[in-house]
Amino acid sequence: MANDKADNVSQLKTSCCVEKCVKKNDRMNFCSEHYMWFKEGLINKTGHKPTDFDKKFQAFQSRGKKAA
């Protein structure tokens, strides 16, 4: 009887939510690199890039931050 309740447990996602990233998530479903991107506005909370990603990524690189 106690075993029946254990079947209701769901697994949390353990990998980064950004497409094609297989690293383990550290914060808010992002790996450490993509979490920095999220904080800088390069991706949204679901892991998708905005329409002006190229412009934002160039500005991010020019500020001297570590980027991929």
PDB file of N, CA and C in Angstrom:
ATOM      1  N   MET A   1       0.821  -1.196   0.000  1.00  0.00           N
ATOM      2  CA  MET A   1       0.000   0.000   0.000  1.00  0.00           C
ATOM      3  C   MET A   1       0.863   1.257   0.000  1.00  0.00           C
ATOM      4  N   ALA A   2       1.896   1.282   0.779  1.00  0.00           N
ATOM      5  CA  ALA A   2       2.768   2.447   0.813  1.00  0.00           C
ATOM      6  C   ALA A   2       3.527   2.604  -0.494  1.00  0.00           C
ATOM      7  N   ASN A   3       3.699   1.520  -1.228  1.00  0.00           N
ATOM      8  CA  ASN A   3       4.400   1.543  -2.512  1.00  0.00           C
ATOM      9  C   ASN A   3       3.607   2.281  -3.580  1.00  0.00           C
ATOM     10  N   ASP A   4       2.281   2.313  -3.486  1.00  0.00           N
ATOM     11  CA  ASP A   4       1.433   2.969  -4.478  1.00  0.00           C
ATOM     12  C   ASP A   4       1.706   4.465  -4.557  1.00  0.00           C
ATOM     13  N   LYS A   5       1.999   5.100  -3.454  1.00  0.00           N
ATOM     14  CA  LYS A   5       2.244   6.539  -3.438  1.00  0.00           C
ATOM     15  C   LYS A   5       3.569   6.900  -4.090  1.00  0.00           C
ATOM     16  N   ALA A   6       4.523   6.002  -4.086  1.00  0.00           N
ATOM     17  CA  ALA A   6       5.828   6.266  -4.697  1.00  0.00           C
ATOM     18  C   ALA A   6       5.722   6.388  -6.213  1.00  0.00           C
ATOM     19  N   ASP A   7       4.700   5.828  -6.819  1.00  0.00           N
ATOM     20  CA  ASP A   7       4.520   5.897  -8.271  1.00  0.00           C
ATOM     21  C   ASP A   7       4.128   7.288  -8.747  1.00  0.00           C
ATOM     22  N   ASN A   8       3.666   8.146  -7.866  1.00  0.00           N
ATOM     23  CA  ASN A   8       3.211   9.478  -8.241  1.00  0.00           C
ATOM     24  C   ASN A   8       4.335  10.499  -8.308  1.00  0.00           C
ATOM     25  N   VAL A   9       5.550  10.109  -8.019  1.00  0.00           N
ATOM     26  CA  VAL A   9       6.680  11.030  -7.995  1.00  0.00           C
ATOM     27  C   VAL A   9       7.128  11.312  -9.424  1.00  0.00           C
ATOM     28  N   SER A  10       7.313  12.590  -9.752  1.00  0.00           N
ATOM     29  CA  SER A  10       7.789  12.943 -11.089  1.00  0.00           C
ATOM     30  C   SER A  10       9.237  13.413 -11.014  1.00  0.00           C
ATOM     31  N   GLN A  11       9.971  13.173 -12.071  1.00  0.00           N
ATOM     32  CA  GLN A  11      11.380  13.551 -12.137  1.00  0.00           C
ATOM     33  C   GLN A  11      11.515  14.982 -12.637  1.00  0.00           C
ATOM     34  N   LEU A  12      12.423  15.743 -12.029  1.00  0.00           N
ATOM     35  CA  LEU A  12      12.737  17.075 -12.507  1.00  0.00           C
ATOM     36  C   LEU A  12      13.749  16.966 -13.634  1.00  0.00           C
ATOM     37  N   LYS A  13      13.723  17.901 -14.534  1.00  0.00           N
ATOM     38  CA  LYS A  13      14.667  17.903 -15.635  1.00  0.00           C
ATOM     39  C   LYS A  13      16.067  18.188 -15.083  1.00  0.00           C
ATOM     40  N   THR A  14      17.056  17.405 -15.496  1.00  0.00           N
ATOM     41  CA  THR A  14      18.399  17.562 -14.943  1.00  0.00           C
ATOM     42  C   THR A  14      19.384  18.153 -15.925  1.00  0.00           C
ATOM     43  N   SER A  15      18.980  18.335 -17.187  1.00  0.00           N
ATOM     44  CA  SER A  15      19.895  18.931 -18.158  1.00  0.00           C
ATOM     45  C   SER A  15      19.454  20.355 -18.477  1.00  0.00           C
ATOM     46  N   CYS A  16      20.365  21.126 -19.037  1.00  0.00           N
ATOM     47  CA  CYS A  16      20.109  22.517 -19.391  1.00  0.00           C
ATOM     48  C   CYS A  16      18.941  22.605 -20.373  1.00  0.00           C
ATOM     49  N   CYS A  17      18.101  23.624 -20.246  1.00  0.00           N
ATOM     50  CA  CYS A  17      16.903  23.725 -21.085  1.00  0.00           C
ATOM     51  C   CYS A  17      17.172  24.374 -22.449  1.00  0.00           C
ATOM     52  N   VAL A  18      18.405  24.805 -22.708  1.00  0.00           N
ATOM     53  CA  VAL A  18      18.738  25.406 -23.999  1.00  0.00           C
ATOM     54  C   VAL A  18      18.908  24.289 -25.029  1.00  0.00           C
ATOM     55  N   GLU A  19      18.387  24.531 -26.228  1.00  0.00           N
ATOM     56  CA  GLU A  19      18.432  23.536 -27.292  1.00  0.00           C
ATOM     57  C   GLU A  19      19.869  23.098 -27.586  1.00  0.00           C
ATOM     58  N   LYS A  20      20.063  21.811 -27.717  1.00  0.00           N
ATOM     59  CA  LYS A  20      21.335  21.165 -28.050  1.00  0.00           C
ATOM     60  C   LYS A  20      22.377  21.236 -26.932  1.00  0.00           C
ATOM     61  N   CYS A  21      22.015  21.654 -25.753  1.00  0.00           N
ATOM     62  CA  CYS A  21      22.945  21.672 -24.627  1.00  0.00           C
ATOM     63  C   CYS A  21      22.676  20.439 -23.768  1.00  0.00           C
ATOM     64  N   VAL A  22      23.710  19.668 -23.498  1.00  0.00           N
ATOM     65  CA  VAL A  22      23.543  18.437 -22.728  1.00  0.00           C
ATOM     66  C   VAL A  22      24.192  18.523 -21.351  1.00  0.00           C
ATOM     67  N   LYS A  23      24.653  19.720 -20.975  1.00  0.00           N
ATOM     68  CA  LYS A  23      25.285  19.889 -19.669  1.00  0.00           C
ATOM     69  C   LYS A  23      24.243  19.811 -18.562  1.00  0.00           C
ATOM     70  N   LYS A  24      24.697  19.496 -17.354  1.00  0.00           N
ATOM     71  CA  LYS A  24      23.820  19.412 -16.188  1.00  0.00           C
ATOM     72  C   LYS A  24      23.389  20.818 -15.770  1.00  0.00           C
ATOM     73  N   ASN A  25      22.121  20.958 -15.390  1.00  0.00           N
ATOM     74  CA  ASN A  25      21.648  22.274 -14.970  1.00  0.00           C
ATOM     75  C   ASN A  25      22.167  22.616 -13.581  1.00  0.00           C
ATOM     76  N   ASP A  26      22.514  23.886 -13.398  1.00  0.00           N
ATOM     77  CA  ASP A  26      22.995  24.373 -12.108  1.00  0.00           C
ATOM     78  C   ASP A  26      21.984  25.295 -11.450  1.00  0.00           C
ATOM     79  N   ARG A  27      21.461  26.249 -12.221  1.00  0.00           N
ATOM     80  CA  ARG A  27      20.514  27.235 -11.698  1.00  0.00           C
ATOM     81  C   ARG A  27      19.368  27.437 -12.690  1.00  0.00           C
ATOM     82  N   MET A  28      18.163  27.443 -12.192  1.00  0.00           N
ATOM     83  CA  MET A  28      16.976  27.754 -12.994  1.00  0.00           C
ATOM     84  C   MET A  28      16.922  26.961 -14.294  1.00  0.00           C
ATOM     85  N   ASN A  29      17.290  25.711 -14.286  1.00  0.00           N
ATOM     86  CA  ASN A  29      17.290  24.814 -15.452  1.00  0.00           C
ATOM     87  C   ASN A  29      18.325  25.173 -16.505  1.00  0.00           C
ATOM     88  N   PHE A  30      19.345  25.958 -16.160  1.00  0.00           N
ATOM     89  CA  PHE A  30      20.428  26.308 -17.071  1.00  0.00           C
ATOM     90  C   PHE A  30      21.750  25.769 -16.550  1.00  0.00           C
ATOM     91  N   CYS A  31      22.669  25.454 -17.461  1.00  0.00           N
ATOM     92  CA  CYS A  31      24.047  25.182 -17.051  1.00  0.00           C
ATOM     93  C   CYS A  31      24.676  26.531 -16.692  1.00  0.00           C
ATOM     94  N   SER A  32      25.887  26.520 -16.166  1.00  0.00           N
ATOM     95  CA  SER A  32      26.488  27.777 -15.700  1.00  0.00           C
ATOM     96  C   SER A  32      26.694  28.774 -16.838  1.00  0.00           C
ATOM     97  N   GLU A  33      27.093  28.302 -18.023  1.00  0.00           N
ATOM     98  CA  GLU A  33      27.301  29.207 -19.157  1.00  0.00           C
ATOM     99  C   GLU A  33      25.988  29.837 -19.615  1.00  0.00           C
ATOM    100  N   HIS A  34      24.965  29.028 -19.780  1.00  0.00           N
ATOM    101  CA  HIS A  34      23.691  29.554 -20.252  1.00  0.00           C
ATOM    102  C   HIS A  34      22.969  30.376 -19.180  1.00  0.00           C
ATOM    103  N   TYR A  35      23.262  30.143 -17.913  1.00  0.00           N
ATOM    104  CA  TYR A  35      22.697  30.996 -16.864  1.00  0.00           C
ATOM    105  C   TYR A  35      23.247  32.415 -17.004  1.00  0.00           C
ATOM    106  N   MET A  36      24.534  32.517 -17.332  1.00  0.00           N
ATOM    107  CA  MET A  36      25.131  33.839 -17.572  1.00  0.00           C
ATOM    108  C   MET A  36      24.450  34.493 -18.777  1.00  0.00           C
ATOM    109  N   TRP A  37      24.195  33.729 -19.806  1.00  0.00           N
ATOM    110  CA  TRP A  37      23.493  34.253 -20.982  1.00  0.00           C
ATOM    111  C   TRP A  37      22.110  34.748 -20.586  1.00  0.00           C
ATOM    112  N   PHE A  38      21.406  33.995 -19.740  1.00  0.00           N
ATOM    113  CA  PHE A  38      20.081  34.393 -19.282  1.00  0.00           C
ATOM    114  C   PHE A  38      20.144  35.715 -18.522  1.00  0.00           C
ATOM    115  N   LYS A  39      21.123  35.839 -17.630  1.00  0.00           N
ATOM    116  CA  LYS A  39      21.271  37.070 -16.862  1.00  0.00           C
ATOM    117  C   LYS A  39      21.587  38.258 -17.762  1.00  0.00           C
ATOM    118  N   GLU A  40      22.295  38.031 -18.861  1.00  0.00           N
ATOM    119  CA  GLU A  40      22.658  39.107 -19.786  1.00  0.00           C
ATOM    120  C   GLU A  40      21.570  39.394 -20.822  1.00  0.00           C
ATOM    121  N   GLY A  41      20.501  38.610 -20.835  1.00  0.00           N
ATOM    122  CA  GLY A  41      19.395  38.836 -21.762  1.00  0.00           C
ATOM    123  C   GLY A  41      19.578  38.177 -23.115  1.00  0.00           C
ATOM    124  N   LEU A  42      20.510  37.234 -23.224  1.00  0.00           N
ATOM    125  CA  LEU A  42      20.744  36.561 -24.496  1.00  0.00           C
ATOM    126  C   LEU A  42      19.738  35.448 -24.763  1.00  0.00           C
ATOM    127  N   ILE A  43      19.133  34.905 -23.720  1.00  0.00           N
ATOM    128  CA  ILE A  43      18.083  33.898 -23.849  1.00  0.00           C
ATOM    129  C   ILE A  43      17.007  34.187 -22.811  1.00  0.00           C
ATOM    130  N   ASN A  44      15.807  33.683 -23.070  1.00  0.00           N
ATOM    131  CA  ASN A  44      14.731  33.887 -22.098  1.00  0.00           C
ATOM    132  C   ASN A  44      14.668  32.709 -21.124  1.00  0.00           C
ATOM    133  N   LYS A  45      13.716  32.713 -20.214  1.00  0.00           N
ATOM    134  CA  LYS A  45      13.680  31.695 -19.165  1.00  0.00           C
ATOM    135  C   LYS A  45      13.333  30.301 -19.687  1.00  0.00           C
ATOM    136  N   THR A  46      12.828  30.203 -20.909  1.00  0.00           N
ATOM    137  CA  THR A  46      12.561  28.892 -21.497  1.00  0.00           C
ATOM    138  C   THR A  46      13.726  28.400 -22.346  1.00  0.00           C
ATOM    139  N   GLY A  47      14.775  29.227 -22.498  1.00  0.00           N
ATOM    140  CA  GLY A  47      15.961  28.819 -23.239  1.00  0.00           C
ATOM    141  C   GLY A  47      15.968  29.222 -24.695  1.00  0.00           C
ATOM    142  N   HIS A  48      15.009  30.038 -25.115  1.00  0.00           N
ATOM    143  CA  HIS A  48      14.937  30.475 -26.507  1.00  0.00           C
ATOM    144  C   HIS A  48      15.649  31.811 -26.702  1.00  0.00           C
ATOM    145  N   LYS A  49      16.226  31.978 -27.889  1.00  0.00           N
ATOM    146  CA  LYS A  49      16.945  33.209 -28.217  1.00  0.00           C
ATOM    147  C   LYS A  49      15.958  34.273 -28.703  1.00  0.00           C
ATOM    148  N   PRO A  50      16.193  35.544 -28.383  1.00  0.00           N
ATOM    149  CA  PRO A  50      15.318  36.614 -28.884  1.00  0.00           C
ATOM    150  C   PRO A  50      15.624  36.892 -30.364  1.00  0.00           C
ATOM    151  N   THR A  51      14.787  37.689 -30.994  1.00  0.00           N
ATOM    152  CA  THR A  51      14.974  37.996 -32.415  1.00  0.00           C
ATOM    153  C   THR A  51      16.230  38.810 -32.667  1.00  0.00           C
ATOM    154  N   ASP A  52      16.659  39.597 -31.687  1.00  0.00           N
ATOM    155  CA  ASP A  52      17.865  40.416 -31.843  1.00  0.00           C
ATOM    156  C   ASP A  52      19.067  39.784 -31.136  1.00  0.00           C
ATOM    157  N   PHE A  53      19.136  38.447 -31.148  1.00  0.00           N
ATOM    158  CA  PHE A  53      20.200  37.725 -30.459  1.00  0.00           C
ATOM    159  C   PHE A  53      21.586  38.142 -30.945  1.00  0.00           C
ATOM    160  N   ASP A  54      21.780  38.262 -32.259  1.00  0.00           N
ATOM    161  CA  ASP A  54      23.102  38.591 -32.809  1.00  0.00           C
ATOM    162  C   ASP A  54      23.617  39.930 -32.274  1.00  0.00           C
ATOM    163  N   LYS A  55      22.752  40.917 -32.229  1.00  0.00           N
ATOM    164  CA  LYS A  55      23.132  42.234 -31.727  1.00  0.00           C
ATOM    165  C   LYS A  55      23.501  42.156 -30.238  1.00  0.00           C
ATOM    166  N   LYS A  56      22.692  41.450 -29.462  1.00  0.00           N
ATOM    167  CA  LYS A  56      22.951  41.315 -28.032  1.00  0.00           C
ATOM    168  C   LYS A  56      24.214  40.497 -27.771  1.00  0.00           C
ATOM    169  N   PHE A  57      24.451  39.466 -28.575  1.00  0.00           N
ATOM    170  CA  PHE A  57      25.630  38.632 -28.380  1.00  0.00           C
ATOM    171  C   PHE A  57      26.904  39.411 -28.693  1.00  0.00           C
ATOM    172  N   GLN A  58      26.872  40.242 -29.731  1.00  0.00           N
ATOM    173  CA  GLN A  58      28.039  41.069 -30.066  1.00  0.00           C
ATOM    174  C   GLN A  58      28.331  42.065 -28.936  1.00  0.00           C
ATOM    175  N   ALA A  59      27.299  42.658 -28.372  1.00  0.00           N
ATOM    176  CA  ALA A  59      27.483  43.585 -27.253  1.00  0.00           C
ATOM    177  C   ALA A  59      28.027  42.841 -26.034  1.00  0.00           C
ATOM    178  N   PHE A  60      27.558  41.644 -25.813  1.00  0.00           N
ATOM    179  CA  PHE A  60      28.025  40.808 -24.711  1.00  0.00           C
ATOM    180  C   PHE A  60      29.516  40.500 -24.861  1.00  0.00           C
ATOM    181  N   GLN A  61      29.929  40.152 -26.077  1.00  0.00           N
ATOM    182  CA  GLN A  61      31.344  39.856 -26.335  1.00  0.00           C
ATOM    183  C   GLN A  61      32.211  41.102 -26.199  1.00  0.00           C
ATOM    184  N   SER A  62      31.714  42.231 -26.629  1.00  0.00           N
ATOM    185  CA  SER A  62      32.505  43.446 -26.561  1.00  0.00           C
ATOM    186  C   SER A  62      32.722  43.934 -25.126  1.00  0.00           C
ATOM    187  N   ARG A  63      31.819  43.540 -24.216  1.00  0.00           N
ATOM    188  CA  ARG A  63      31.991  43.906 -22.805  1.00  0.00           C
ATOM    189  C   ARG A  63      33.073  43.066 -22.137  1.00  0.00           C
ATOM    190  N   GLY A  64      33.585  42.065 -22.837  1.00  0.00           N
ATOM    191  CA  GLY A  64      34.679  41.273 -22.309  1.00  0.00           C
ATOM    192  C   GLY A  64      34.265  40.124 -21.425  1.00  0.00           C
ATOM    193  N   LYS A  65      32.982  39.792 -21.452  1.00  0.00           N
ATOM    194  CA  LYS A  65      32.521  38.646 -20.672  1.00  0.00           C
ATOM    195  C   LYS A  65      32.968  37.364 -21.355  1.00  0.00           C
ATOM    196  N   LYS A  66      33.040  36.292 -20.589  1.00  0.00           N
ATOM    197  CA  LYS A  66      33.392  34.992 -21.141  1.00  0.00           C
ATOM    198  C   LYS A  66      32.197  34.476 -21.930  1.00  0.00           C
ATOM    199  N   ALA A  67      32.408  34.187 -23.211  1.00  0.00           N
ATOM    200  CA  ALA A  67      31.330  33.678 -24.067  1.00  0.00           C
ATOM    201  C   ALA A  67      31.814  32.465 -24.838  1.00  0.00           C
ATOM    202  N   ALA A  68      30.866  31.697 -25.315  1.00  0.00           N
ATOM    203  CA  ALA A  68      31.225  30.477 -26.053  1.00  0.00           C
ATOM    204  C   ALA A  68      31.663  30.771 -27.454  1.00  0.00           C
TER     205      ALA A  68
END
